[in-house]
């Protein structure tokens, strides 16, 4: 059973996703897939096999 977060807990934002696995790319919409693949080709993102 999940508990509700306490009022004094702070939200810590996650960093930008820079490592991509082949299976996670399959779930992207076509426009986001194209942008992500372009960044992988430019070596801004890393493809994990």
N, C-alpha and C. Protein backbone atom coordinates (compact mmCIF):
# COMPACT_ATOMS: atom_id res chain seq x y z
N UNK A 1 0.84 -1.18 0.00
CA UNK A 1 0.00 0.00 0.00
C UNK A 1 0.89 1.24 0.00
N UNK A 2 0.65 2.14 -0.92
CA UNK A 2 1.44 3.37 -1.02
C UNK A 2 0.92 4.40 -0.03
N UNK A 3 1.84 5.15 0.53
CA UNK A 3 1.45 6.19 1.47
C UNK A 3 1.58 7.55 0.79
N UNK A 4 0.78 8.47 1.25
CA UNK A 4 0.81 9.83 0.69
C UNK A 4 2.08 10.53 1.16
N UNK A 5 2.66 11.38 0.31
CA UNK A 5 3.86 12.11 0.73
C UNK A 5 3.55 13.06 1.87
N UNK A 6 4.50 13.23 2.76
CA UNK A 6 4.33 14.15 3.88
C UNK A 6 4.44 15.59 3.39
N UNK A 7 3.85 16.49 4.14
CA UNK A 7 3.86 17.89 3.73
C UNK A 7 5.26 18.48 3.74
N UNK A 8 6.14 17.99 4.59
CA UNK A 8 7.48 18.57 4.66
C UNK A 8 8.45 17.93 3.68
N UNK A 9 8.02 16.90 2.93
CA UNK A 9 8.88 16.31 1.91
C UNK A 9 9.00 17.27 0.74
N UNK A 10 10.21 17.44 0.24
CA UNK A 10 10.43 18.34 -0.88
C UNK A 10 10.46 17.54 -2.17
N UNK A 11 9.95 18.14 -3.22
CA UNK A 11 9.98 17.53 -4.54
C UNK A 11 11.35 17.76 -5.15
N UNK A 12 12.01 16.71 -5.56
CA UNK A 12 13.31 16.83 -6.20
C UNK A 12 13.14 16.43 -7.66
N UNK A 13 13.27 17.39 -8.59
CA UNK A 13 13.07 17.06 -10.00
C UNK A 13 14.20 16.17 -10.51
N UNK A 14 13.84 15.26 -11.40
CA UNK A 14 14.83 14.39 -12.01
C UNK A 14 15.54 15.15 -13.13
N UNK A 15 16.74 14.72 -13.41
CA UNK A 15 17.51 15.35 -14.48
C UNK A 15 16.98 14.92 -15.83
N UNK A 16 17.48 15.55 -16.86
CA UNK A 16 17.08 15.23 -18.22
C UNK A 16 17.60 13.85 -18.59
N UNK A 17 16.76 13.07 -19.24
CA UNK A 17 17.15 11.72 -19.63
C UNK A 17 18.13 11.79 -20.79
N UNK A 18 19.34 11.27 -20.58
CA UNK A 18 20.36 11.32 -21.62
C UNK A 18 20.78 9.95 -22.10
N UNK A 19 20.41 8.91 -21.38
CA UNK A 19 20.73 7.54 -21.78
C UNK A 19 19.46 6.86 -22.22
N UNK A 20 19.46 6.32 -23.44
CA UNK A 20 18.27 5.70 -24.01
C UNK A 20 18.54 4.25 -24.35
N UNK A 21 17.60 3.39 -24.01
CA UNK A 21 17.67 1.97 -24.36
C UNK A 21 16.80 1.75 -25.58
N UNK A 22 17.15 0.77 -26.38
CA UNK A 22 16.39 0.50 -27.60
C UNK A 22 14.91 0.28 -27.33
N UNK A 23 14.60 -0.42 -26.24
CA UNK A 23 13.19 -0.71 -25.94
C UNK A 23 12.42 0.53 -25.54
N UNK A 24 13.07 1.49 -24.91
CA UNK A 24 12.35 2.71 -24.52
C UNK A 24 12.05 3.59 -25.74
N UNK A 25 12.86 3.46 -26.80
CA UNK A 25 12.60 4.23 -28.01
C UNK A 25 11.35 3.72 -28.74
N UNK A 26 11.03 2.45 -28.55
CA UNK A 26 9.87 1.88 -29.24
C UNK A 26 8.56 2.48 -28.77
N UNK A 27 8.53 3.03 -27.57
CA UNK A 27 7.29 3.56 -26.99
C UNK A 27 7.06 5.03 -27.30
N UNK A 28 8.01 5.67 -27.98
CA UNK A 28 7.89 7.11 -28.24
C UNK A 28 7.00 7.38 -29.45
N UNK A 29 6.36 8.54 -29.42
CA UNK A 29 5.61 8.99 -30.58
C UNK A 29 6.61 9.39 -31.66
N UNK A 30 6.16 9.43 -32.91
CA UNK A 30 7.08 9.60 -34.04
C UNK A 30 7.86 10.91 -33.99
N UNK A 31 7.25 12.01 -33.58
CA UNK A 31 7.98 13.28 -33.54
C UNK A 31 9.04 13.28 -32.44
N UNK A 32 8.71 12.72 -31.28
CA UNK A 32 9.70 12.65 -30.19
C UNK A 32 10.79 11.64 -30.54
N UNK A 33 10.44 10.57 -31.24
CA UNK A 33 11.44 9.59 -31.67
C UNK A 33 12.44 10.24 -32.61
N UNK A 34 11.96 11.02 -33.56
CA UNK A 34 12.85 11.67 -34.52
C UNK A 34 13.80 12.64 -33.81
N UNK A 35 13.30 13.42 -32.87
CA UNK A 35 14.15 14.36 -32.13
C UNK A 35 15.19 13.62 -31.30
N UNK A 36 14.78 12.53 -30.67
CA UNK A 36 15.69 11.77 -29.83
C UNK A 36 16.77 11.10 -30.66
N UNK A 37 16.39 10.51 -31.79
CA UNK A 37 17.38 9.85 -32.65
C UNK A 37 18.37 10.87 -33.21
N UNK A 38 17.90 12.06 -33.56
CA UNK A 38 18.82 13.10 -34.03
C UNK A 38 19.82 13.48 -32.95
N UNK A 39 19.38 13.56 -31.71
CA UNK A 39 20.30 13.89 -30.62
C UNK A 39 21.27 12.74 -30.34
N UNK A 40 20.82 11.50 -30.55
CA UNK A 40 21.73 10.35 -30.41
C UNK A 40 22.80 10.42 -31.49
N UNK A 41 22.40 10.75 -32.71
CA UNK A 41 23.37 10.85 -33.80
C UNK A 41 24.35 11.99 -33.60
N UNK A 42 23.90 13.06 -32.95
CA UNK A 42 24.79 14.19 -32.65
C UNK A 42 25.62 13.95 -31.39
N UNK A 43 25.42 12.79 -30.77
CA UNK A 43 26.11 12.39 -29.53
C UNK A 43 25.76 13.27 -28.34
N UNK A 44 24.56 13.87 -28.36
CA UNK A 44 24.07 14.59 -27.18
C UNK A 44 23.46 13.59 -26.20
N UNK A 45 22.88 12.51 -26.73
CA UNK A 45 22.33 11.43 -25.93
C UNK A 45 23.14 10.17 -26.22
N UNK A 46 23.03 9.21 -25.32
CA UNK A 46 23.78 7.96 -25.44
C UNK A 46 22.78 6.83 -25.63
N UNK A 47 23.05 5.96 -26.60
CA UNK A 47 22.20 4.80 -26.84
C UNK A 47 22.81 3.61 -26.12
N UNK A 48 22.01 2.98 -25.25
CA UNK A 48 22.46 1.82 -24.49
C UNK A 48 21.89 0.58 -25.18
N UNK A 49 22.76 -0.34 -25.53
CA UNK A 49 22.31 -1.55 -26.23
C UNK A 49 21.99 -2.65 -25.26
